[in-house]
Protein backbone atom coordinates (compact mmCIF):
# COMPACT_ATOMS: atom_id res chain seq x y z
CA UNK A 1 124.67 89.46 93.07
CA UNK A 2 123.06 88.31 89.84
CA UNK A 3 124.79 90.70 87.49
CA UNK A 4 124.74 94.17 86.03
CA UNK A 5 122.04 96.22 84.36
CA UNK A 6 122.28 97.94 80.98
CA UNK A 7 123.99 100.94 82.60
CA UNK A 8 126.73 98.78 84.14
CA UNK A 9 125.43 99.04 87.72
CA UNK A 10 125.59 95.98 89.96
CA UNK A 11 122.19 94.55 90.83
CA UNK A 12 121.75 93.35 94.40
CA UNK A 13 118.62 91.25 94.95
CA UNK A 14 117.29 90.45 98.42
CA UNK A 15 114.35 88.07 98.74
CA UNK A 16 112.67 88.60 102.08
CA UNK A 17 111.02 85.19 101.80
CA UNK A 18 114.48 83.63 102.08
CA UNK A 19 115.53 85.53 105.21
CA UNK A 20 115.66 83.01 108.04
CA UNK A 21 113.11 83.74 110.75
CA UNK A 22 115.30 82.12 113.39
CA UNK A 23 118.37 84.29 112.74
CA UNK A 24 119.27 86.92 115.29
CA UNK A 25 119.38 90.58 114.35
CA UNK A 26 123.19 90.50 114.54
CA UNK A 27 123.39 87.50 112.21
CA UNK A 28 121.09 89.16 109.68
CA UNK A 29 123.02 92.41 109.86
CA UNK A 30 126.34 90.63 109.31
CA UNK A 31 124.87 88.70 106.38
CA UNK A 32 123.65 91.89 104.70
CA UNK A 33 126.96 93.67 105.21
CA UNK A 34 128.88 90.65 103.87
CA UNK A 35 126.71 90.58 100.74
CA UNK A 36 126.82 94.32 100.10
CA UNK A 37 130.48 95.11 100.79
CA UNK A 38 131.95 93.52 97.64
CA UNK A 39 129.66 95.41 95.23
CA UNK A 40 128.99 98.83 96.73
CA UNK A 41 132.19 100.60 95.76
CA UNK A 42 130.55 101.56 92.45
CA UNK A 43 126.99 102.49 91.48
CA UNK A 44 124.50 99.75 92.30
CA UNK A 45 120.78 99.02 92.41
CA UNK A 46 118.90 97.13 95.13
CA UNK A 47 115.85 95.03 94.30
CA UNK A 48 113.92 94.01 97.43
CA UNK A 49 111.50 91.16 96.77
CA UNK A 50 108.95 91.40 99.52
CA UNK A 51 106.47 88.78 98.25
CA UNK A 52 106.16 85.58 100.21
CA UNK A 53 107.73 86.92 103.38
CA UNK A 54 106.66 85.14 106.53
CA UNK A 55 105.12 87.75 108.88
CA UNK A 56 107.02 86.13 111.76
CA UNK A 57 110.32 86.85 109.97
CA UNK A 58 109.87 90.63 109.84
CA UNK A 59 113.03 92.15 111.31
CA UNK A 60 112.66 94.17 114.51
CA UNK A 61 112.53 97.96 114.20
CA UNK A 62 115.87 98.25 116.00
CA UNK A 63 117.53 96.24 113.23
CA UNK A 64 115.94 98.40 110.55
CA UNK A 65 117.17 101.51 112.34
CA UNK A 66 120.69 100.09 112.56
CA UNK A 67 120.62 99.12 108.87
CA UNK A 68 119.58 102.65 107.96
CA UNK A 69 122.47 104.10 109.99
CA UNK A 70 124.94 101.79 108.25
CA UNK A 71 123.45 102.75 104.89
CA UNK A 72 123.87 106.42 105.69
CA UNK A 73 127.52 105.96 106.61
CA UNK A 74 128.75 103.40 104.08
CA UNK A 75 126.38 102.44 101.29
CA UNK A 76 124.30 105.49 100.42
CA UNK A 77 126.78 107.27 98.19
CA UNK A 78 126.80 104.62 95.48
CA UNK A 79 123.17 103.47 95.76
CA UNK A 80 121.63 104.60 92.50
CA UNK A 81 118.14 103.14 92.78
CA UNK A 82 116.10 100.87 95.04
CA UNK A 83 113.07 98.90 93.95
CA UNK A 84 110.62 97.20 96.32
CA UNK A 85 108.54 94.56 94.57
CA UNK A 86 105.24 93.39 96.07
CA UNK A 87 105.39 95.34 99.34
CA UNK A 88 102.91 94.31 102.01
CA UNK A 89 100.44 96.67 103.64
CA UNK A 90 102.63 96.64 106.77
CA UNK A 91 105.70 97.58 104.73
CA UNK A 92 103.83 100.42 103.03
CA UNK A 93 102.58 101.74 106.38
CA UNK A 94 106.03 101.58 108.02
CA UNK A 95 107.63 103.18 104.98
CA UNK A 96 105.08 106.00 104.97
CA UNK A 97 105.61 106.67 108.68
CA UNK A 98 109.40 106.45 108.46
CA UNK A 99 109.73 108.51 105.27
CA UNK A 100 109.93 111.76 107.23
CA UNK A 101 113.11 110.52 108.91
CA UNK A 102 114.70 109.14 105.74
CA UNK A 103 117.23 111.26 103.94
CA UNK A 104 115.96 112.69 100.67
CA UNK A 105 119.23 111.59 99.09
CA UNK A 106 118.10 107.96 99.20
CA UNK A 107 115.42 108.31 96.55
C-alpha cells in the first residue's frame, strides 16, 4: 500500500506483471486477501496496472469469480474507486462480457 490520496483514501496498487505465473489460484487468492485486509476498513482506491502482464499468468476464470464473490461480501462497501491502467484487449473483452453480472454498486 503506497499511501493515501488527497481525500485520505488508502491507495492499493496491484501490478499484474508482478503476479507469479507459477502460483496456484489458492496462493494468489490468499495473497490478495492478505494485502487487502489491513486497509479496507475505510474508503480505499484500487489501481490495477495491467501493462506488461505475461499472457500465461492470466488467472483462471474460476479465480476471478471467487475474487468477485469475496469482494461482494467483504471489500465492496469501502471501495471508492477502481482504476485499470493499460488494459489488454482480452481484459476489455472479458470486462465487457462480465459487466452484465457485475453489481452496479462497484462503479
